[in-house]
Protein backbone atom coordinates (compact mmCIF):
# COMPACT_ATOMS: atom_id res chain seq x y z
CA MET A 1 -2.12 14.21 -24.75
CA PHE A 2 -4.38 11.16 -24.65
CA ARG A 3 -3.39 8.30 -22.35
CA ALA A 4 -4.91 4.88 -22.53
CA PRO A 5 -6.39 3.63 -19.26
CA PRO A 6 -4.00 1.48 -17.22
CA LYS A 7 -4.12 -2.27 -17.52
CA ALA A 8 -6.27 -3.81 -14.80
CA THR A 9 -4.73 -5.65 -11.91
CA TYR A 10 -5.63 -9.30 -11.49
CA PHE A 11 -4.81 -10.04 -7.88
CA PHE A 12 -5.90 -6.84 -6.16
CA THR A 13 -9.50 -5.71 -5.93
CA GLU A 14 -10.32 -2.09 -6.75
CA THR A 15 -10.33 -1.22 -3.03
CA GLU A 16 -6.98 -2.95 -2.46
CA HIS A 17 -5.62 -1.19 -5.53
CA ASP A 18 -6.55 2.19 -4.00
CA ILE A 19 -5.01 1.26 -0.63
CA LEU A 20 -1.81 0.10 -2.29
CA LYS A 21 -1.67 3.22 -4.46
CA SER A 22 -1.86 5.42 -1.36
CA VAL A 23 0.70 3.29 0.50
CA CYS A 24 3.09 3.53 -2.46
CA ALA A 25 2.71 7.29 -2.70
CA TYR A 26 3.61 7.79 0.96
CA MET A 27 6.33 5.14 1.14
CA VAL A 28 8.14 6.26 -2.01
CA GLY A 29 7.44 9.94 -1.39
CA ILE A 30 5.67 10.90 -4.61
CA SER A 31 2.35 12.60 -5.31
CA HIS A 32 -0.95 10.74 -5.46
CA ASP A 33 -1.54 10.87 -9.18
CA THR A 34 -2.45 8.43 -11.91
CA THR A 35 1.18 7.59 -12.74
CA LEU A 36 1.09 5.17 -9.82
CA ASP A 37 -0.95 2.69 -11.84
CA THR A 38 2.21 1.34 -13.50
CA PRO A 39 3.95 0.43 -10.21
CA ILE A 40 0.74 -1.20 -8.98
CA ILE A 41 0.64 -3.37 -12.10
CA ALA A 42 4.27 -4.40 -11.47
CA ILE A 43 3.41 -5.24 -7.84
CA ASP A 44 0.38 -7.19 -9.01
CA ALA A 45 2.52 -9.29 -11.37
CA PHE A 46 4.98 -9.98 -8.55
CA VAL A 47 2.28 -10.94 -6.04
CA GLN A 48 0.68 -13.38 -8.49
CA GLN A 49 3.90 -15.42 -8.33
CA LEU A 50 3.87 -15.69 -4.53
CA PRO A 51 2.50 -18.74 -2.71
CA LYS A 52 -1.21 -18.53 -1.87
CA THR A 53 -0.45 -18.28 1.86
CA TRP A 54 1.65 -15.15 1.33
CA GLN A 55 -0.98 -13.67 -0.97
CA ARG A 56 -3.61 -14.09 1.76
CA GLN A 57 -1.28 -12.55 4.34
CA LEU A 58 -0.60 -9.57 2.07
CA ARG A 59 -4.30 -9.06 1.42
CA PHE A 60 -5.03 -9.23 5.17
CA GLY A 61 -2.12 -6.86 5.89
CA LEU A 62 -3.40 -4.29 3.40
CA HIS A 63 -6.81 -4.27 5.03
CA LEU A 64 -5.30 -4.11 8.51
CA PHE A 65 -3.19 -1.13 7.41
CA GLN A 66 -6.29 0.50 5.90
CA TRP A 67 -8.36 0.15 9.07
CA GLY A 68 -5.43 0.71 11.46
CA PRO A 69 -6.29 4.34 12.31
CA LEU A 70 -9.48 3.10 13.93
CA LEU A 71 -7.72 0.25 15.76
CA PHE A 72 -4.45 1.91 16.80
CA ASN A 73 -5.05 5.69 16.77
CA TRP A 74 -8.75 5.82 17.65
CA LYS A 75 -9.51 7.91 14.56
CA LEU A 76 -12.83 7.27 12.87
CA CYS A 77 -11.43 7.03 9.36
CA ARG A 78 -9.41 4.75 7.13
CA PHE A 79 -5.79 5.23 6.11
CA THR A 80 -6.75 6.43 2.64
CA GLN A 81 -8.91 9.16 4.21
CA LEU A 82 -6.24 10.58 6.53
CA PRO A 83 -4.90 14.06 5.83
CA SER A 84 -1.30 13.97 4.63
CA PRO A 85 0.40 14.96 7.95
CA ASP A 86 -1.67 12.40 9.87
CA ALA A 87 -0.92 9.72 7.28
CA VAL A 88 2.82 10.34 7.62
CA ARG A 89 2.60 10.10 11.43
CA TYR A 90 0.47 6.96 11.10
CA ILE A 91 3.08 5.29 8.88
CA GLU A 92 5.87 6.32 11.26
CA GLY A 93 3.86 4.75 14.07
CA TRP A 94 3.95 1.44 12.20
CA ALA A 95 7.67 1.77 11.49
CA LYS A 96 8.52 2.46 15.15
CA SER A 97 5.89 0.28 16.81
CA ARG A 98 6.81 -1.81 19.81
CA PHE A 99 4.88 -4.67 18.16
CA ARG A 100 7.06 -6.68 15.83
CA ILE A 101 4.14 -7.64 13.60
CA ARG A 102 3.40 -3.98 12.84
CA ARG A 103 7.06 -3.26 12.05
CA ARG A 104 7.22 -6.32 9.78
CA LEU A 105 4.08 -5.32 7.91
CA PHE A 106 5.46 -1.81 7.49
CA ARG A 107 8.71 -3.17 6.05
CA GLY A 108 6.84 -5.54 3.75
CA LEU A 109 4.61 -2.79 2.39
CA ARG A 110 7.57 -0.44 2.04
CA ASP A 111 9.59 -3.06 0.16
CA ILE A 112 6.70 -3.84 -2.16
CA ALA A 113 6.15 -0.13 -2.82
CA PHE A 114 9.80 0.36 -3.76
CA LEU A 115 9.79 -2.82 -5.87
CA GLY A 116 6.83 -1.54 -7.87
CA TYR A 117 8.14 1.99 -8.20
CA TYR A 118 11.68 1.13 -9.27
CA SER A 119 10.67 -1.72 -11.56
CA SER A 120 8.45 0.68 -13.50
CA THR A 121 10.91 3.56 -13.91
């Protein structure tokens, strides 16, 4: 069956789109396939309504989460390149971190992932 390509996101760059797609897959617990484009579009629409300060913080948080394995786990790769078991442990490390900022970012990304997933189902 032919599927039209997904509508482009307006807030997120292509790189941020890929990071968010991977985050959503792990947070919601679904496979990394192309059906995640619809939740990302819903998240994009939501984020466009946020104040500019929050948009900048979200963008910074996504990139911090992407490069976190290098900063926090001393692994020479990005989050989107981690094997699945390592990615799950990495996310759990954010959820259980002793640093409040990491726990808050985890909760924010998790909430956004669920918002996108459940608003598109």
